[in-house]
Protein backbone atom coordinates (compact mmCIF):
# COMPACT_ATOMS: atom_id res chain seq x y z
CA MET A 1 102.83 115.47 100.08
CA LYS A 2 104.12 113.41 97.15
CA ARG A 3 101.92 113.39 94.05
CA ARG A 4 102.32 110.61 91.46
CA ILE A 5 101.23 112.16 88.12
CA VAL A 6 100.90 109.27 85.23
CA GLY A 7 99.98 109.20 81.69
CA PHE A 8 102.12 111.96 80.38
CA GLY A 9 102.27 110.55 77.06
CA ALA A 10 99.09 108.93 77.06
CA GLY A 11 96.16 110.17 74.45
CA GLN A 12 98.67 112.52 72.66
CA PRO A 13 97.80 112.69 68.80
CA PRO A 14 100.41 110.96 66.70
CA THR A 15 102.77 113.18 64.56
CA ALA A 16 102.12 113.90 61.04
CA VAL A 17 105.64 114.22 59.97
CA ARG A 18 108.56 111.69 60.46
CA ILE A 19 111.31 113.18 62.80
CA SER A 20 114.64 111.91 64.04
CA SER A 21 114.83 110.10 67.27
CA LEU A 22 116.29 112.91 68.84
CA ALA A 23 113.80 115.43 68.04
CA HIS A 24 111.08 113.03 68.94
CA ASP A 25 112.63 113.02 72.42
CA ILE A 26 112.60 116.45 72.84
CA VAL A 27 108.91 117.13 71.62
CA ARG A 28 108.15 114.43 74.35
CA ALA A 29 109.86 115.92 77.14
CA THR A 30 108.49 119.34 76.13
CA ARG A 31 105.12 118.04 76.42
CA ALA A 32 105.42 116.25 79.70
CA THR A 33 107.10 119.56 80.88
CA VAL A 34 103.90 121.46 79.83
CA ALA A 35 101.84 118.73 81.18
CA VAL A 36 103.79 119.38 84.62
CA LEU A 37 102.91 123.04 84.71
CA ALA A 38 99.23 122.71 83.74
CA ALA A 39 98.76 120.45 86.38
CA PHE A 40 100.20 122.83 89.04
CA ALA A 41 98.16 125.56 87.38
CA MET A 42 94.86 123.66 87.78
CA ALA A 43 95.74 122.42 91.28
CA PRO A 44 93.90 123.92 94.39
CA PRO A 45 95.84 126.78 95.97
CA ALA A 46 96.19 124.98 99.06
CA LEU A 47 98.02 121.94 98.10
CA ALA A 48 99.61 121.62 101.56
CA ALA A 49 97.17 120.46 104.44
CA GLU A 50 96.09 123.12 106.76
CA PRO A 51 97.18 123.02 110.27
CA PRO A 52 94.50 120.96 112.24
CA THR A 53 92.15 123.20 114.38
CA VAL A 54 92.45 123.00 118.39
CA GLY A 55 89.32 122.37 119.95
CA GLU A 56 87.76 123.83 123.01
CA PRO A 57 89.89 123.25 126.31
CA GLY A 58 88.30 120.90 129.07
CA VAL A 59 88.99 120.51 132.66
CA VAL A 60 89.85 116.65 133.78
CA VAL A 61 90.85 117.30 137.30
CA THR A 62 91.31 120.06 139.43
CA PHE A 63 93.71 120.17 142.52
CA ASP A 64 93.84 122.24 145.78
CA ARG A 65 96.19 125.20 146.02
CA SER A 66 95.91 125.59 149.69
CA ALA A 67 96.67 122.30 150.29
CA GLY A 68 100.20 122.63 148.32
CA ARG A 69 99.21 120.39 145.55
CA LEU A 70 100.15 121.79 142.05
CA PRO A 71 100.53 119.69 138.93
CA ASP A 72 103.94 119.92 137.28
CA GLY A 73 105.18 116.65 135.53
CA LEU A 74 102.94 114.72 133.47
CA ALA A 75 102.58 111.52 131.74
CA VAL A 76 100.16 108.95 129.97
CA ASP A 77 100.73 105.51 129.60
CA ARG A 78 99.72 103.02 126.70
CA VAL A 79 96.47 101.90 128.62
CA GLY A 80 95.27 105.44 129.69
CA ASN A 81 96.70 105.97 133.24
CA THR A 82 97.67 109.26 133.84
CA TYR A 83 100.73 110.26 136.31
CA VAL A 84 100.87 113.69 137.71
CA GLY A 85 104.07 114.76 139.77
CA LEU A 86 102.75 117.45 142.38
CA VAL A 87 104.68 120.23 143.92
CA SER A 88 103.91 122.94 146.45
CA PRO A 89 103.64 126.88 145.48
CA PHE A 90 106.63 128.94 145.92
CA ARG A 91 105.48 130.28 149.16
CA PHE A 92 106.03 127.15 150.95
CA PRO A 93 107.94 124.72 148.76
CA GLN A 94 109.75 122.81 151.71
CA SER A 95 106.54 122.19 153.92
CA ARG A 96 104.97 119.49 151.67
CA SER A 97 106.10 116.24 150.51
CA GLY A 98 106.53 116.34 146.57
CA GLU A 99 104.25 113.44 145.18
CA VAL A 100 103.33 111.63 141.90
CA TRP A 101 99.44 110.62 141.44
CA ARG A 102 98.13 107.82 139.10
CA PHE A 103 94.76 108.49 137.99
CA ASP A 104 93.00 105.61 135.97
CA PRO A 105 91.62 105.92 132.70
CA ASP A 106 88.30 107.51 134.26
CA GLY A 107 90.20 110.18 135.90
CA ASN A 108 90.25 108.57 139.69
CA PRO A 109 93.21 108.58 141.92
CA VAL A 110 94.22 104.91 142.56
CA GLU A 111 97.84 105.14 143.49
CA ARG A 112 100.22 107.62 145.05
CA TRP A 113 103.92 107.98 145.70
CA ALA A 114 105.43 110.18 148.41
CA LEU A 115 108.93 111.56 147.33
CA GLY A 116 110.03 113.37 150.52
CA THR A 117 109.28 116.84 152.19
CA GLY A 118 110.70 119.66 149.92
CA ALA A 119 110.79 117.37 146.82
CA THR A 120 109.90 118.75 143.55
CA PRO A 121 108.95 115.98 140.88
CA ALA A 122 109.14 117.98 137.64
CA GLY A 123 109.35 115.11 134.85
CA VAL A 124 107.45 112.34 134.68
CA VAL A 125 107.60 109.36 131.83
CA VAL A 126 106.44 105.91 131.25
CA ASP A 127 108.57 103.29 129.50
CA ARG A 128 107.44 100.65 126.93
CA HIS A 129 107.06 98.32 129.91
CA GLY A 130 105.28 100.41 132.12
CA THR A 131 107.92 101.74 134.39
CA VAL A 132 107.52 105.21 135.71
CA PHE A 133 110.47 107.49 135.96
CA VAL A 134 110.36 110.90 137.65
CA THR A 135 113.05 113.54 137.83
CA VAL A 136 112.91 115.11 141.59
CA ALA A 137 114.61 118.76 142.37
CA HIS A 138 115.45 119.04 146.23
CA PRO A 139 116.93 122.19 147.71
CA ALA A 140 118.82 120.44 149.84
CA GLN A 141 120.30 117.86 147.44
CA GLU A 142 118.71 115.09 149.47
CA SER A 143 116.69 113.31 147.12
CA SER A 144 117.61 114.89 143.71
CA GLY A 145 117.97 112.75 140.78
CA ILE A 146 115.77 110.42 138.58
CA HIS A 147 113.76 107.88 140.67
CA ARG A 148 112.09 104.90 139.39
CA LEU A 149 108.57 104.28 140.84
CA ARG A 150 107.94 100.69 142.35
CA SER A 151 104.27 99.54 142.68
CA GLY A 152 102.88 100.17 146.01
CA GLY A 153 104.18 103.46 146.73
CA GLY A 154 108.30 102.72 146.79
CA HIS A 155 110.49 104.33 144.89
CA GLU A 156 114.60 104.33 144.28
CA ARG A 157 117.04 106.97 142.95
CA LEU A 158 118.98 105.52 139.91
CA PRO A 159 122.80 105.59 140.55
CA GLY A 160 124.78 108.46 139.33
CA SER A 161 121.70 110.87 138.98
CA GLU A 162 122.68 112.22 142.66
CA ARG A 163 125.20 114.31 140.88
CA MET A 164 122.64 116.25 139.01
CA PHE A 165 121.85 119.63 140.69
CA GLU A 166 118.54 120.45 139.38
CA PRO A 167 116.89 117.67 137.41
CA LYS A 168 113.72 118.68 135.30
CA GLY A 169 112.67 117.30 131.98
CA LEU A 170 112.73 113.72 131.28
CA THR A 171 111.86 111.66 128.39
CA VAL A 172 112.34 108.05 126.82
CA ASP A 173 113.48 106.70 123.67
CA TRP A 174 112.45 103.35 121.76
CA SER A 175 115.37 101.18 123.51
CA GLY A 176 114.73 102.54 126.89
CA THR A 177 117.30 105.13 127.10
CA LEU A 178 116.57 108.08 129.35
CA TYR A 179 117.42 111.53 128.74
CA ALA A 180 116.82 114.38 131.56
CA THR A 181 117.92 117.83 131.72
CA ASP A 182 119.72 119.92 134.58
CA SER A 183 118.15 123.02 134.32
CA ALA A 184 120.74 124.95 136.62
CA ARG A 185 123.80 123.67 134.71
CA GLY A 186 122.35 123.62 130.98
CA GLN A 187 123.00 119.63 130.74
CA VAL A 188 121.38 116.84 129.33
CA TRP A 189 121.87 113.46 131.23
CA ARG A 190 121.50 109.77 129.80
CA VAL A 191 120.52 106.58 131.44
CA ASP A 192 121.45 103.66 129.47
CA GLY A 193 118.48 100.96 130.03
CA ALA A 194 121.35 98.34 130.16
CA ASP A 195 122.79 99.23 133.46
CA ASP A 196 120.73 102.00 134.76
CA ARG A 197 123.28 104.51 135.48
CA ALA A 198 123.02 108.10 135.02
CA GLU A 199 125.98 109.81 133.00
CA LEU A 200 126.51 113.31 131.94
CA TRP A 201 125.75 113.35 127.88
CA LEU A 202 125.56 116.91 126.91
CA SER A 203 126.72 120.04 128.40
CA HIS A 204 126.32 123.35 125.95
CA PRO A 205 125.89 126.88 125.98
CA LEU A 206 122.69 126.49 123.97
CA LEU A 207 121.13 124.91 126.87
CA GLN A 208 122.29 127.33 129.72
CA GLY A 209 119.93 129.97 130.76
CA CYS A 210 120.61 133.90 131.51
CA GLY A 211 120.68 133.40 135.25
CA ARG A 212 117.14 131.88 135.78
CA GLY A 213 117.86 128.18 134.64
CA GLY A 214 118.00 126.63 131.33
CA ALA A 215 117.36 123.41 129.61
CA SER A 216 113.68 122.00 130.52
CA GLY A 217 111.50 119.72 128.84
CA LEU A 218 112.66 117.50 125.99
CA VAL A 219 111.29 115.08 123.61
CA VAL A 220 112.84 112.15 121.10
CA ARG A 221 111.86 112.27 117.29
CA GLY A 222 113.53 109.50 115.34
CA GLY A 223 117.26 109.92 115.71
CA ALA A 224 117.23 113.31 117.35
CA LEU A 225 116.65 114.67 120.75
CA PHE A 226 114.89 118.31 120.74
CA VAL A 227 115.37 120.17 124.06
CA ALA A 228 113.48 123.45 125.39
CA ASN A 229 115.36 126.32 127.05
CA PRO A 230 112.72 128.62 128.66
CA ASP A 231 115.48 131.41 129.60
CA ARG A 232 116.52 132.24 125.96
CA GLY A 233 113.34 131.29 124.41
CA LEU A 234 114.61 128.85 122.09
CA VAL A 235 114.21 124.83 121.02
CA VAL A 236 117.39 122.82 120.47
CA ARG A 237 117.88 120.03 118.32
CA VAL A 238 120.65 117.34 119.29
CA ASP A 239 121.21 114.80 116.38
CA LEU A 240 122.39 111.33 118.06
CA GLY A 241 125.48 109.51 116.42
CA VAL A 242 125.29 105.91 115.61
CA ASP A 243 127.16 105.56 119.02
CA GLY A 244 124.60 107.32 120.97
CA SER A 245 126.81 110.24 121.29
CA ALA A 246 125.54 114.06 121.05
CA ARG A 247 126.22 115.89 117.66
CA GLU A 248 126.73 119.68 117.82
CA PRO A 249 123.30 121.22 119.07
CA ARG A 250 121.27 123.63 116.46
CA ILE A 251 118.26 125.98 116.98
CA VAL A 252 115.31 124.96 115.26
CA ALA A 253 113.14 127.73 116.71
CA GLY A 254 113.91 131.18 118.76
CA ASP A 255 117.02 132.55 119.19
CA VAL A 256 119.87 132.93 121.67
CA ASP A 257 119.21 136.06 123.55
CA CYS A 258 117.08 136.34 126.45
CA GLU A 259 114.68 139.07 126.11
CA ILE A 260 111.16 138.24 127.71
CA SER A 261 109.74 139.70 124.43
CA ASP A 262 110.86 136.41 122.70
CA VAL A 263 107.86 134.47 121.20
CA LEU A 264 109.18 131.25 122.72
CA TRP A 265 110.19 132.83 126.12
CA GLY A 266 109.50 130.78 129.15
CA VAL A 267 109.18 127.50 126.69
CA ASP A 268 108.91 124.71 128.97
CA ASP A 269 107.86 121.29 127.44
CA LEU A 270 107.40 119.91 124.13
CA ALA A 271 105.38 117.20 122.33
CA PHE A 272 105.07 116.08 118.71
CA ASP A 273 102.23 114.99 116.63
CA VAL A 274 102.55 112.63 113.58
CA ARG A 275 102.68 115.72 111.37
CA ARG A 276 106.00 116.49 112.91
CA ASP A 277 104.54 119.81 114.40
CA LEU A 278 105.91 120.24 117.70
CA TYR A 279 103.73 121.64 120.59
CA ALA A 280 105.00 123.66 123.74
CA THR A 281 103.97 125.10 126.68
CA LEU A 282 104.99 128.75 127.56
CA ALA A 283 104.62 128.61 131.25
CA SER A 284 105.77 132.22 131.73
CA GLN A 285 103.37 133.59 128.87
CA ASN A 286 100.19 131.24 129.81
CA ARG A 287 100.15 129.89 126.19
CA LEU A 288 100.37 126.75 124.29
CA VAL A 289 102.11 127.14 121.02
CA ARG A 290 102.66 124.86 117.86
CA ILE A 291 105.95 125.14 116.01
CA ASP A 292 105.94 123.87 112.43
CA ARG A 293 108.89 122.22 110.44
CA GLU A 294 110.04 125.60 109.41
CA GLY A 295 110.30 126.98 112.92
CA SER A 296 107.16 129.33 112.74
CA VAL A 297 105.36 129.67 115.65
CA GLU A 298 101.39 129.62 116.11
CA VAL A 299 99.57 130.77 119.40
CA VAL A 300 96.69 127.94 119.80
CA LEU A 301 95.75 128.46 123.72
CA THR A 302 96.19 131.50 126.22
CA ALA A 303 95.26 132.66 129.41
CA ALA A 304 91.69 133.31 127.96
CA ASP A 305 91.37 129.61 127.59
CA GLY A 306 91.98 128.96 131.40
CA LEU A 307 95.96 128.50 131.24
CA TRP A 308 98.09 129.65 134.05
CA HIS A 309 101.77 128.73 134.13
CA PRO A 310 101.23 125.47 131.91
CA THR A 311 104.31 123.26 132.48
CA SER A 312 104.21 119.49 130.78
CA LEU A 313 102.45 118.19 128.01
CA ALA A 314 101.33 114.52 127.12
CA PHE A 315 99.24 113.27 124.33
CA GLY A 316 96.62 110.83 125.25
CA THR A 317 95.96 107.40 124.36
CA ARG A 318 92.97 105.81 122.44
CA ASP A 319 92.89 108.06 119.42
CA ARG A 320 95.68 110.02 120.47
CA ARG A 321 94.24 113.43 119.35
CA MET A 322 93.78 114.83 122.84
CA LEU A 323 96.38 116.68 124.45
CA PHE A 324 96.88 117.14 128.04
CA ILE A 325 98.56 119.92 129.91
CA ALA A 326 99.43 120.40 133.38
CA ASN A 327 98.25 123.69 134.51
CA SER A 328 100.30 124.33 137.38
CA ALA A 329 99.07 127.82 138.64
CA ARG A 330 102.43 128.25 140.34
CA ARG A 331 103.39 131.99 139.69
CA GLY A 332 101.00 134.91 140.10
CA PRO A 333 99.15 137.19 139.23
CA GLU A 334 96.39 134.63 138.44
CA PRO A 335 94.83 135.28 134.87
CA ALA A 336 91.14 136.50 135.09
CA ASP A 337 90.09 133.37 133.07
CA SER A 338 92.33 130.51 134.86
CA VAL A 339 90.78 127.38 135.77
CA GLY A 340 93.33 127.17 138.45
CA PRO A 341 95.75 123.98 139.30
CA ALA A 342 94.33 121.23 136.90
CA ILE A 343 94.95 119.03 134.20
CA ILE A 344 93.57 120.20 131.10
CA GLU A 345 92.57 118.81 127.80
CA THR A 346 92.27 120.01 124.26
CA GLY A 347 91.68 118.31 120.79
CA VAL A 348 94.23 119.24 118.18
CA GLY A 349 92.96 117.35 115.17
CA THR A 350 95.74 115.24 114.64
CA ARG A 351 97.12 112.09 116.49
CA GLY A 352 100.44 112.51 118.69
CA GLN A 353 103.72 110.77 118.45
CA MET A 354 103.13 107.42 120.43
CA VAL A 355 105.29 106.45 123.25
CA PRO A 356 108.47 105.04 121.19
CA CYS A 357 108.98 101.20 121.40
CA ARG A 358 111.31 98.79 120.10
CA CYS A 359 110.31 97.02 116.92
CA PRO A 360 111.85 93.56 115.32
CA ALA A 361 114.88 93.89 113.09
CA PRO A 362 114.61 94.53 110.28
CA VAL A 363 112.47 97.41 111.16
CA THR A 364 109.15 97.69 108.71
CA HIS A 365 105.66 98.90 109.02
CA SER A 366 104.18 95.56 109.07
CA SER A 367 106.32 94.63 112.15
CA CYS A 368 105.45 97.81 114.07
CA PRO A 369 101.94 99.03 115.47
CA LEU A 370 100.41 102.05 113.68
CA ASP A 371 102.34 105.05 114.08
CA VAL A 372 105.29 103.65 116.17
CA ASP A 373 108.66 105.76 115.70
CA VAL A 374 110.66 103.35 113.33
CA GLY A 375 113.56 105.81 113.43
CA GLY A 376 116.61 104.56 115.35
CA LEU A 377 118.76 105.81 117.96
CA GLY A 378 121.54 106.82 115.23
CA GLU A 379 122.16 108.30 111.63
CA HIS A 380 122.04 104.78 110.37
CA ALA A 381 118.15 104.74 110.79
CA GLY A 382 117.77 107.99 108.86
CA ALA A 383 117.19 111.57 110.00
CA GLU A 384 113.53 111.11 110.03
CA PRO A 385 111.32 108.40 111.11
CA GLU A 386 108.29 107.48 108.49
CA TRP A 387 104.59 107.12 109.82
CA ARG A 388 101.71 105.08 108.70
CA ALA A 389 98.49 107.29 107.71
């Protein structure tokens, strides 16, 4: 936090002797230094704000595991509709049609999309126009790719995305550009909003797994993309160049080994708040954690709070202080305190990053709604966005 200290020279008693201009400047500088040191000495010990407290989690909606409906992908649009991708348990993955359900702000199911038998809708996102996209993985590659959902239950696969092997995470930036991970190959694919064609954007060892799948959830923040790698237990940052190309990835949390004892092992999805803290689900550990800007990890929810294989994350609308979690309940054994397959909500004490939108140029705070990401796609827009209080 920046603090402006004023009046360094105010109220100082006049000197009793005449000194040279240089000596006078030295005295003034010394007094200013003493004033600064005194200010820090008298300041409260916790000058930086403490991390907000995470509230008691609650269940928004539950699903029937015996019916083969387990929540995986999750997104919330600007008016409060919630979109949930439903998949089948591992014991009969090809016996059910993968689906996306839309719930209204009151939690009532109002629309459904059937994606085909065996389809797994892993990532769901809503762009600034309210268009819903979903990544679909299929064991026979019949429908694998990125799909656009149409009103009335229809959907279409975006061209080029049929070449993806195991589509997983999905996010969108302020320009409408989509980014999706291919977990099996350790890749990120990009869909330009201008032509809706998917192209391979980045393939890198830091995105690859250790035999069980790599890159998973991802999120855009300013001019960078953050990607979770559950198999290695790390979060990677990829800066975007002015031309939209990927810069060299670097680790911001976790490490490159494949030990299941790693603190971030099983990291699945990511969501930023306006403090620049990163929330992450650890599906394999039944945990929700918060990662600060230094890469330090704090556990905020566990299996004792009802978590069972949590996957996707999404901040709600309204005051955006509620974080929604897809509790997929896909892998056993079931924890004693599990709430089963459900959407869980918990207050995090601060606001989540909004769905990015495009603002008029030149970008100013007055031209954007509160908390809109005014960072651009490339370096010309600055390394970090600014946020209104």
